[in-house]
Full PDB file with SEQRES, HELIX, SHEET, SSBOND, CRYST1, ORIGX, SCALE, CONECT and MASTER records, all heavy atoms in Angstrom:
SEQRES   1 A   34  ASP ASN ALA LYS ASN THR VAL TYR LEU GLN MET ASN SER          
SEQRES   2 A   34  LEU LYS PRO GLU ASP THR ALA VAL TYR TYR CYS ALA ALA          
SEQRES   3 A   34  THR LEU SER VAL PRO SER SER THR                              
HELIX    1 AA1 PRO A   16  ASP A   18  5                                   3    
CRYST1    1.000    1.000    1.000  90.00  90.00  90.00 P 1           1          
ORIGX1      1.000000  0.000000  0.000000        0.00000                         
ORIGX2      0.000000  1.000000  0.000000        0.00000                         
ORIGX3      0.000000  0.000000  1.000000        0.00000                         
SCALE1      1.000000  0.000000  0.000000        0.00000                         
SCALE2      0.000000  1.000000  0.000000        0.00000                         
SCALE3      0.000000  0.000000  1.000000        0.00000                         
ATOM      1  N   ASP A   1     -55.972 186.704   6.566  1.00  0.00           N  
ATOM      2  CA  ASP A   1     -56.497 185.606   7.402  1.00  0.00           C  
ATOM      3  C   ASP A   1     -56.231 185.999   8.929  1.00  0.00           C  
ATOM      4  O   ASP A   1     -54.958 185.973   9.347  1.00  0.00           O  
ATOM      5  CB  ASP A   1     -55.901 184.341   7.145  1.00  0.00           C  
ATOM      6  CG  ASP A   1     -56.340 183.194   7.834  1.00  0.00           C  
ATOM      7  OD1 ASP A   1     -56.903 183.411   8.962  1.00  0.00           O  
ATOM      8  OD2 ASP A   1     -56.186 181.990   7.380  1.00  0.00           O  
ATOM      9  N   ASN A   2     -57.195 186.603   9.639  1.00  0.00           N  
ATOM     10  CA  ASN A   2     -56.855 187.087  10.992  1.00  0.00           C  
ATOM     11  C   ASN A   2     -56.522 186.051  11.954  1.00  0.00           C  
ATOM     12  O   ASN A   2     -55.697 186.280  12.818  1.00  0.00           O  
ATOM     13  CB  ASN A   2     -58.132 187.894  11.411  1.00  0.00           C  
ATOM     14  CG  ASN A   2     -58.456 189.187  10.733  1.00  0.00           C  
ATOM     15  OD1 ASN A   2     -57.499 189.765  10.152  1.00  0.00           O  
ATOM     16  ND2 ASN A   2     -59.682 189.475  10.589  1.00  0.00           N  
ATOM     17  N   ALA A   3     -57.011 184.860  11.785  1.00  0.00           N  
ATOM     18  CA  ALA A   3     -56.649 183.761  12.660  1.00  0.00           C  
ATOM     19  C   ALA A   3     -55.187 183.495  12.549  1.00  0.00           C  
ATOM     20  O   ALA A   3     -54.529 182.978  13.579  1.00  0.00           O  
ATOM     21  CB  ALA A   3     -57.387 182.452  12.240  1.00  0.00           C  
ATOM     22  N   LYS A   4     -54.615 183.654  11.310  1.00  0.00           N  
ATOM     23  CA  LYS A   4     -53.087 183.392  11.147  1.00  0.00           C  
ATOM     24  C   LYS A   4     -52.353 184.715  11.221  1.00  0.00           C  
ATOM     25  O   LYS A   4     -51.086 184.701  11.047  1.00  0.00           O  
ATOM     26  CB  LYS A   4     -52.905 182.769   9.721  1.00  0.00           C  
ATOM     27  CG  LYS A   4     -53.508 181.302   9.727  1.00  0.00           C  
ATOM     28  CD  LYS A   4     -53.139 180.669   8.323  1.00  0.00           C  
ATOM     29  CE  LYS A   4     -53.726 179.350   8.297  1.00  0.00           C  
ATOM     30  NZ  LYS A   4     -53.452 178.610   7.065  1.00  0.00           N  
ATOM     31  N   ASN A   5     -53.009 185.791  11.443  1.00  0.00           N  
ATOM     32  CA  ASN A   5     -52.324 187.131  11.479  1.00  0.00           C  
ATOM     33  C   ASN A   5     -51.461 187.400  10.267  1.00  0.00           C  
ATOM     34  O   ASN A   5     -50.297 187.764  10.391  1.00  0.00           O  
ATOM     35  CB  ASN A   5     -51.507 187.280  12.768  1.00  0.00           C  
ATOM     36  CG  ASN A   5     -51.276 188.679  13.107  1.00  0.00           C  
ATOM     37  OD1 ASN A   5     -52.120 189.579  13.037  1.00  0.00           O  
ATOM     38  ND2 ASN A   5     -50.144 188.938  13.722  1.00  0.00           N  
ATOM     39  N   THR A   6     -52.064 187.026   9.197  1.00  0.00           N  
ATOM     40  CA  THR A   6     -51.279 187.058   7.837  1.00  0.00           C  
ATOM     41  C   THR A   6     -52.197 187.856   6.851  1.00  0.00           C  
ATOM     42  O   THR A   6     -53.303 187.577   6.627  1.00  0.00           O  
ATOM     43  CB  THR A   6     -50.936 185.751   7.440  1.00  0.00           C  
ATOM     44  OG1 THR A   6     -50.156 185.030   8.429  1.00  0.00           O  
ATOM     45  CG2 THR A   6     -50.089 185.640   6.044  1.00  0.00           C  
ATOM     46  N   VAL A   7     -51.387 188.597   5.936  1.00  0.00           N  
ATOM     47  CA  VAL A   7     -51.996 189.187   4.790  1.00  0.00           C  
ATOM     48  C   VAL A   7     -51.335 188.516   3.591  1.00  0.00           C  
ATOM     49  O   VAL A   7     -50.123 188.316   3.701  1.00  0.00           O  
ATOM     50  CB  VAL A   7     -51.792 190.703   4.856  1.00  0.00           C  
ATOM     51  CG1 VAL A   7     -52.313 191.318   3.481  1.00  0.00           C  
ATOM     52  CG2 VAL A   7     -52.530 191.296   5.904  1.00  0.00           C  
ATOM     53  N   TYR A   8     -52.091 188.234   2.550  1.00  0.00           N  
ATOM     54  CA  TYR A   8     -51.666 187.611   1.330  1.00  0.00           C  
ATOM     55  C   TYR A   8     -51.747 188.548   0.135  1.00  0.00           C  
ATOM     56  O   TYR A   8     -52.524 189.415   0.083  1.00  0.00           O  
ATOM     57  CB  TYR A   8     -52.362 186.339   1.190  1.00  0.00           C  
ATOM     58  CG  TYR A   8     -52.439 185.306   2.283  1.00  0.00           C  
ATOM     59  CD1 TYR A   8     -53.384 185.241   3.092  1.00  0.00           C  
ATOM     60  CD2 TYR A   8     -51.352 184.450   2.456  1.00  0.00           C  
ATOM     61  CE1 TYR A   8     -53.414 184.339   4.204  1.00  0.00           C  
ATOM     62  CE2 TYR A   8     -51.296 183.653   3.463  1.00  0.00           C  
ATOM     63  CZ  TYR A   8     -52.304 183.514   4.341  1.00  0.00           C  
ATOM     64  OH  TYR A   8     -52.246 182.623   5.420  1.00  0.00           O  
ATOM     65  N   LEU A   9     -50.906 188.225  -0.746  1.00  0.00           N  
ATOM     66  CA  LEU A   9     -51.005 188.759  -2.134  1.00  0.00           C  
ATOM     67  C   LEU A   9     -50.944 187.602  -3.137  1.00  0.00           C  
ATOM     68  O   LEU A   9     -49.785 187.052  -3.317  1.00  0.00           O  
ATOM     69  CB  LEU A   9     -49.980 189.777  -2.520  1.00  0.00           C  
ATOM     70  CG  LEU A   9     -50.163 190.464  -3.782  1.00  0.00           C  
ATOM     71  CD1 LEU A   9     -51.365 191.380  -3.828  1.00  0.00           C  
ATOM     72  CD2 LEU A   9     -48.921 191.299  -4.225  1.00  0.00           C  
ATOM     73  N   GLN A  10     -52.062 187.171  -3.665  1.00  0.00           N  
ATOM     74  CA  GLN A  10     -52.046 186.152  -4.582  1.00  0.00           C  
ATOM     75  C   GLN A  10     -51.869 186.687  -6.020  1.00  0.00           C  
ATOM     76  O   GLN A  10     -52.539 187.632  -6.394  1.00  0.00           O  
ATOM     77  CB  GLN A  10     -53.399 185.385  -4.657  1.00  0.00           C  
ATOM     78  CG  GLN A  10     -53.608 184.323  -5.699  1.00  0.00           C  
ATOM     79  CD  GLN A  10     -52.691 183.142  -5.434  1.00  0.00           C  
ATOM     80  OE1 GLN A  10     -52.530 182.648  -4.306  1.00  0.00           O  
ATOM     81  NE2 GLN A  10     -52.086 182.649  -6.509  1.00  0.00           N  
ATOM     82  N   MET A  11     -50.796 186.253  -6.610  1.00  0.00           N  
ATOM     83  CA  MET A  11     -50.390 186.876  -7.962  1.00  0.00           C  
ATOM     84  C   MET A  11     -50.584 185.712  -9.092  1.00  0.00           C  
ATOM     85  O   MET A  11     -49.792 184.736  -8.974  1.00  0.00           O  
ATOM     86  CB  MET A  11     -49.008 187.421  -7.912  1.00  0.00           C  
ATOM     87  CG  MET A  11     -48.750 188.369  -6.705  1.00  0.00           C  
ATOM     88  SD  MET A  11     -47.103 188.973  -6.777  1.00  0.00           S  
ATOM     89  CE  MET A  11     -46.115 187.628  -6.501  1.00  0.00           C  
ATOM     90  N   ASN A  12     -51.417 185.936 -10.009  1.00  0.00           N  
ATOM     91  CA  ASN A  12     -51.683 185.053 -11.048  1.00  0.00           C  
ATOM     92  C   ASN A  12     -51.263 185.710 -12.448  1.00  0.00           C  
ATOM     93  O   ASN A  12     -51.210 186.886 -12.494  1.00  0.00           O  
ATOM     94  CB  ASN A  12     -53.167 184.550 -11.145  1.00  0.00           C  
ATOM     95  CG  ASN A  12     -53.554 183.925  -9.841  1.00  0.00           C  
ATOM     96  OD1 ASN A  12     -52.824 183.202  -9.194  1.00  0.00           O  
ATOM     97  ND2 ASN A  12     -54.799 184.025  -9.529  1.00  0.00           N  
ATOM     98  N   SER A  13     -51.188 184.934 -13.443  1.00  0.00           N  
ATOM     99  CA  SER A  13     -50.835 185.277 -14.788  1.00  0.00           C  
ATOM    100  C   SER A  13     -49.713 186.305 -14.763  1.00  0.00           C  
ATOM    101  O   SER A  13     -49.645 187.447 -15.399  1.00  0.00           O  
ATOM    102  CB  SER A  13     -51.940 186.011 -15.347  1.00  0.00           C  
ATOM    103  OG  SER A  13     -53.126 185.126 -15.393  1.00  0.00           O  
ATOM    104  N   LEU A  14     -48.623 185.913 -14.078  1.00  0.00           N  
ATOM    105  CA  LEU A  14     -47.447 186.883 -13.933  1.00  0.00           C  
ATOM    106  C   LEU A  14     -46.802 187.111 -15.159  1.00  0.00           C  
ATOM    107  O   LEU A  14     -46.655 186.371 -16.079  1.00  0.00           O  
ATOM    108  CB  LEU A  14     -46.504 186.256 -12.938  1.00  0.00           C  
ATOM    109  CG  LEU A  14     -46.946 186.450 -11.387  1.00  0.00           C  
ATOM    110  CD1 LEU A  14     -46.201 185.403 -10.538  1.00  0.00           C  
ATOM    111  CD2 LEU A  14     -46.634 187.815 -10.939  1.00  0.00           C  
ATOM    112  N   LYS A  15     -46.265 188.405 -15.282  1.00  0.00           N  
ATOM    113  CA  LYS A  15     -45.573 188.973 -16.388  1.00  0.00           C  
ATOM    114  C   LYS A  15     -44.115 189.339 -16.030  1.00  0.00           C  
ATOM    115  O   LYS A  15     -43.854 189.681 -14.976  1.00  0.00           O  
ATOM    116  CB  LYS A  15     -46.301 190.117 -16.976  1.00  0.00           C  
ATOM    117  CG  LYS A  15     -47.770 189.878 -17.304  1.00  0.00           C  
ATOM    118  CD  LYS A  15     -48.426 191.152 -17.713  1.00  0.00           C  
ATOM    119  CE  LYS A  15     -49.950 190.938 -17.942  1.00  0.00           C  
ATOM    120  NZ  LYS A  15     -50.610 192.160 -18.345  1.00  0.00           N  
ATOM    121  N   PRO A  16     -43.256 189.367 -16.951  1.00  0.00           N  
ATOM    122  CA  PRO A  16     -41.884 189.675 -16.637  1.00  0.00           C  
ATOM    123  C   PRO A  16     -41.872 191.221 -15.997  1.00  0.00           C  
ATOM    124  O   PRO A  16     -40.962 191.440 -15.133  1.00  0.00           O  
ATOM    125  CB  PRO A  16     -41.159 189.742 -18.051  1.00  0.00           C  
ATOM    126  CG  PRO A  16     -41.874 188.626 -18.797  1.00  0.00           C  
ATOM    127  CD  PRO A  16     -43.374 188.790 -18.268  1.00  0.00           C  
ATOM    128  N   GLU A  17     -42.714 192.032 -16.386  1.00  0.00           N  
ATOM    129  CA  GLU A  17     -42.768 193.367 -15.823  1.00  0.00           C  
ATOM    130  C   GLU A  17     -43.328 193.435 -14.437  1.00  0.00           C  
ATOM    131  O   GLU A  17     -43.161 194.519 -13.719  1.00  0.00           O  
ATOM    132  CB  GLU A  17     -43.724 194.294 -16.645  1.00  0.00           C  
ATOM    133  CG  GLU A  17     -45.018 193.779 -17.032  1.00  0.00           C  
ATOM    134  CD  GLU A  17     -45.143 193.086 -18.363  1.00  0.00           C  
ATOM    135  OE1 GLU A  17     -44.215 192.333 -18.673  1.00  0.00           O  
ATOM    136  OE2 GLU A  17     -46.142 193.402 -19.139  1.00  0.00           O  
ATOM    137  N   ASP A  18     -43.762 192.274 -13.835  1.00  0.00           N  
ATOM    138  CA  ASP A  18     -43.995 192.197 -12.497  1.00  0.00           C  
ATOM    139  C   ASP A  18     -42.783 191.972 -11.595  1.00  0.00           C  
ATOM    140  O   ASP A  18     -42.911 191.955 -10.358  1.00  0.00           O  
ATOM    141  CB  ASP A  18     -45.028 191.092 -12.198  1.00  0.00           C  
ATOM    142  CG  ASP A  18     -46.449 191.245 -12.786  1.00  0.00           C  
ATOM    143  OD1 ASP A  18     -46.815 192.431 -12.823  1.00  0.00           O  
ATOM    144  OD2 ASP A  18     -46.944 190.256 -13.355  1.00  0.00           O  
ATOM    145  N   THR A  19     -41.643 191.696 -12.213  1.00  0.00           N  
ATOM    146  CA  THR A  19     -40.406 191.485 -11.422  1.00  0.00           C  
ATOM    147  C   THR A  19     -40.042 192.696 -10.617  1.00  0.00           C  
ATOM    148  O   THR A  19     -40.052 193.906 -11.162  1.00  0.00           O  
ATOM    149  CB  THR A  19     -39.332 191.179 -12.452  1.00  0.00           C  
ATOM    150  OG1 THR A  19     -39.448 190.019 -13.146  1.00  0.00           O  
ATOM    151  CG2 THR A  19     -38.013 191.118 -11.672  1.00  0.00           C  
ATOM    152  N   ALA A  20     -39.892 192.434  -9.325  1.00  0.00           N  
ATOM    153  CA  ALA A  20     -39.648 193.494  -8.409  1.00  0.00           C  
ATOM    154  C   ALA A  20     -39.398 192.901  -6.989  1.00  0.00           C  
ATOM    155  O   ALA A  20     -39.629 191.762  -6.811  1.00  0.00           O  
ATOM    156  CB  ALA A  20     -40.791 194.474  -8.365  1.00  0.00           C  
ATOM    157  N   VAL A  21     -39.005 193.802  -6.080  1.00  0.00           N  
ATOM    158  CA  VAL A  21     -39.051 193.489  -4.636  1.00  0.00           C  
ATOM    159  C   VAL A  21     -40.383 193.917  -4.096  1.00  0.00           C  
ATOM    160  O   VAL A  21     -40.793 195.057  -4.324  1.00  0.00           O  
ATOM    161  CB  VAL A  21     -37.848 194.128  -3.869  1.00  0.00           C  
ATOM    162  CG1 VAL A  21     -37.994 193.833  -2.411  1.00  0.00           C  
ATOM    163  CG2 VAL A  21     -36.509 193.751  -4.369  1.00  0.00           C  
ATOM    164  N   TYR A  22     -41.112 193.042  -3.552  1.00  0.00           N  
ATOM    165  CA  TYR A  22     -42.490 193.333  -3.099  1.00  0.00           C  
ATOM    166  C   TYR A  22     -42.432 193.540  -1.528  1.00  0.00           C  
ATOM    167  O   TYR A  22     -41.786 192.811  -0.768  1.00  0.00           O  
ATOM    168  CB  TYR A  22     -43.464 192.113  -3.359  1.00  0.00           C  
ATOM    169  CG  TYR A  22     -43.833 192.212  -4.860  1.00  0.00           C  
ATOM    170  CD1 TYR A  22     -43.012 191.784  -5.779  1.00  0.00           C  
ATOM    171  CD2 TYR A  22     -45.150 192.488  -5.163  1.00  0.00           C  
ATOM    172  CE1 TYR A  22     -43.327 191.874  -7.188  1.00  0.00           C  
ATOM    173  CE2 TYR A  22     -45.458 192.557  -6.484  1.00  0.00           C  
ATOM    174  CZ  TYR A  22     -44.572 192.246  -7.516  1.00  0.00           C  
ATOM    175  OH  TYR A  22     -45.041 192.197  -8.838  1.00  0.00           O  
ATOM    176  N   TYR A  23     -43.124 194.575  -1.141  1.00  0.00           N  
ATOM    177  CA  TYR A  23     -43.034 195.043   0.232  1.00  0.00           C  
ATOM    178  C   TYR A  23     -44.517 195.009   0.843  1.00  0.00           C  
ATOM    179  O   TYR A  23     -45.398 195.584   0.083  1.00  0.00           O  
ATOM    180  CB  TYR A  23     -42.463 196.494   0.398  1.00  0.00           C  
ATOM    181  CG  TYR A  23     -40.998 196.607  -0.003  1.00  0.00           C  
ATOM    182  CD1 TYR A  23     -40.625 196.931  -1.285  1.00  0.00           C  
ATOM    183  CD2 TYR A  23     -39.988 196.364   0.914  1.00  0.00           C  
ATOM    184  CE1 TYR A  23     -39.352 197.094  -1.697  1.00  0.00           C  
ATOM    185  CE2 TYR A  23     -38.663 196.568   0.533  1.00  0.00           C  
ATOM    186  CZ  TYR A  23     -38.395 196.867  -0.827  1.00  0.00           C  
ATOM    187  OH  TYR A  23     -37.050 196.993  -1.076  1.00  0.00           O  
ATOM    188  N   CYS A  24     -44.564 194.588   1.994  1.00  0.00           N  
ATOM    189  CA  CYS A  24     -45.756 194.681   2.774  1.00  0.00           C  
ATOM    190  C   CYS A  24     -45.733 195.972   3.628  1.00  0.00           C  
ATOM    191  O   CYS A  24     -44.662 196.262   4.122  1.00  0.00           O  
ATOM    192  CB  CYS A  24     -45.927 193.476   3.685  1.00  0.00           C  
ATOM    193  SG  CYS A  24     -47.243 193.467   4.788  1.00  0.00           S  
ATOM    194  N   ALA A  25     -46.858 196.651   3.771  1.00  0.00           N  
ATOM    195  CA  ALA A  25     -46.900 197.877   4.451  1.00  0.00           C  
ATOM    196  C   ALA A  25     -48.183 198.001   5.387  1.00  0.00           C  
ATOM    197  O   ALA A  25     -49.221 197.417   4.998  1.00  0.00           O  
ATOM    198  CB  ALA A  25     -46.806 199.069   3.516  1.00  0.00           C  
ATOM    199  N   ALA A  26     -48.080 198.758   6.440  1.00  0.00           N  
ATOM    200  CA  ALA A  26     -49.254 198.851   7.344  1.00  0.00           C  
ATOM    201  C   ALA A  26     -49.430 200.148   7.860  1.00  0.00           C  
ATOM    202  O   ALA A  26     -48.449 200.759   8.142  1.00  0.00           O  
ATOM    203  CB  ALA A  26     -49.225 197.788   8.486  1.00  0.00           C  
ATOM    204  N   THR A  27     -50.755 200.582   8.149  1.00  0.00           N  
ATOM    205  CA  THR A  27     -50.902 201.801   8.720  1.00  0.00           C  
ATOM    206  C   THR A  27     -52.248 201.826   9.491  1.00  0.00           C  
ATOM    207  O   THR A  27     -53.133 201.071   9.092  1.00  0.00           O  
ATOM    208  CB  THR A  27     -50.938 202.949   7.716  1.00  0.00           C  
ATOM    209  OG1 THR A  27     -51.257 204.216   8.431  1.00  0.00           O  
ATOM    210  CG2 THR A  27     -52.074 202.821   6.693  1.00  0.00           C  
ATOM    211  N   LEU A  28     -52.317 202.517  10.600  1.00  0.00           N  
ATOM    212  CA  LEU A  28     -53.592 202.647  11.364  1.00  0.00           C  
ATOM    213  C   LEU A  28     -54.278 203.972  10.897  1.00  0.00           C  
ATOM    214  O   LEU A  28     -55.454 204.067  11.179  1.00  0.00           O  
ATOM    215  CB  LEU A  28     -53.332 202.882  12.859  1.00  0.00           C  
ATOM    216  CG  LEU A  28     -52.779 201.516  13.565  1.00  0.00           C  
ATOM    217  CD1 LEU A  28     -52.329 201.869  14.921  1.00  0.00           C  
ATOM    218  CD2 LEU A  28     -53.846 200.472  13.449  1.00  0.00           C  
ATOM    219  N   SER A  29     -53.589 204.703  10.101  1.00  0.00           N  
ATOM    220  CA  SER A  29     -54.152 206.017   9.621  1.00  0.00           C  
ATOM    221  C   SER A  29     -55.330 205.745   8.726  1.00  0.00           C  
ATOM    222  O   SER A  29     -55.332 204.821   7.884  1.00  0.00           O  
ATOM    223  CB  SER A  29     -53.129 206.841   8.778  1.00  0.00           C  
ATOM    224  OG  SER A  29     -52.088 207.056   9.705  1.00  0.00           O  
ATOM    225  N   VAL A  30     -56.330 206.657   8.620  1.00  0.00           N  
ATOM    226  CA  VAL A  30     -57.545 206.636   7.674  1.00  0.00           C  
ATOM    227  C   VAL A  30     -57.428 207.914   7.012  1.00  0.00           C  
ATOM    228  O   VAL A  30     -57.853 208.976   7.581  1.00  0.00           O  
ATOM    229  CB  VAL A  30     -58.810 206.391   8.452  1.00  0.00           C  
ATOM    230  CG1 VAL A  30     -59.882 206.365   7.330  1.00  0.00           C  
ATOM    231  CG2 VAL A  30     -58.687 205.110   9.222  1.00  0.00           C  
ATOM    232  N   PRO A  31     -56.841 207.964   5.848  1.00  0.00           N  
ATOM    233  CA  PRO A  31     -56.667 209.191   5.045  1.00  0.00           C  
ATOM    234  C   PRO A  31     -58.008 209.812   4.706  1.00  0.00           C  
ATOM    235  O   PRO A  31     -59.042 209.080   4.659  1.00  0.00           O  
ATOM    236  CB  PRO A  31     -55.781 208.839   3.777  1.00  0.00           C  
ATOM    237  CG  PRO A  31     -56.016 207.440   3.666  1.00  0.00           C  
ATOM    238  CD  PRO A  31     -56.260 206.882   5.080  1.00  0.00           C  
ATOM    239  N   SER A  32     -57.996 211.097   4.476  1.00  0.00           N  
ATOM    240  CA  SER A  32     -59.163 211.827   4.146  1.00  0.00           C  
ATOM    241  C   SER A  32     -59.810 211.381   2.733  1.00  0.00           C  
ATOM    242  O   SER A  32     -60.995 211.425   2.485  1.00  0.00           O  
ATOM    243  CB  SER A  32     -58.994 213.286   4.036  1.00  0.00           C  
ATOM    244  OG  SER A  32     -58.014 213.598   3.065  1.00  0.00           O  
ATOM    245  N   SER A  33     -58.967 210.802   1.880  1.00  0.00           N  
ATOM    246  CA  SER A  33     -59.453 210.279   0.620  1.00  0.00           C  
ATOM    247  C   SER A  33     -58.903 208.955   0.427  1.00  0.00           C  
ATOM    248  O   SER A  33     -57.785 208.617   0.704  1.00  0.00           O  
ATOM    249  CB  SER A  33     -59.015 211.238  -0.472  1.00  0.00           C  
ATOM    250  OG  SER A  33     -59.331 210.609  -1.780  1.00  0.00           O  
ATOM    251  N   THR A  34     -59.784 207.965  -0.071  1.00  0.00           N  
ATOM    252  CA  THR A  34     -59.225 206.654  -0.387  1.00  0.00           C  
ATOM    253  C   THR A  34     -58.091 206.666  -1.562  1.00  0.00           C  
ATOM    254  O   THR A  34     -57.317 205.739  -1.539  1.00  0.00           O  
ATOM    255  CB  THR A  34     -60.373 205.810  -0.884  1.00  0.00           C  
ATOM    256  OG1 THR A  34     -61.013 206.298  -2.082  1.00  0.00           O  
ATOM    257  CG2 THR A  34     -61.385 205.596   0.191  1.00  0.00           C  
TER     258      THR A  34                                                      
MASTER        0    0    0    1    0    0    0    6  257    1    0    3          
END                                                                             
């Protein structure tokens, strides 16, 4: 949401194996391959 300057991660149907520390990351780089 650019108006709120926020990026979201909506997580549904969560499983125990989703347990972790979640990190947000940003880059201006555009790699040669997606």
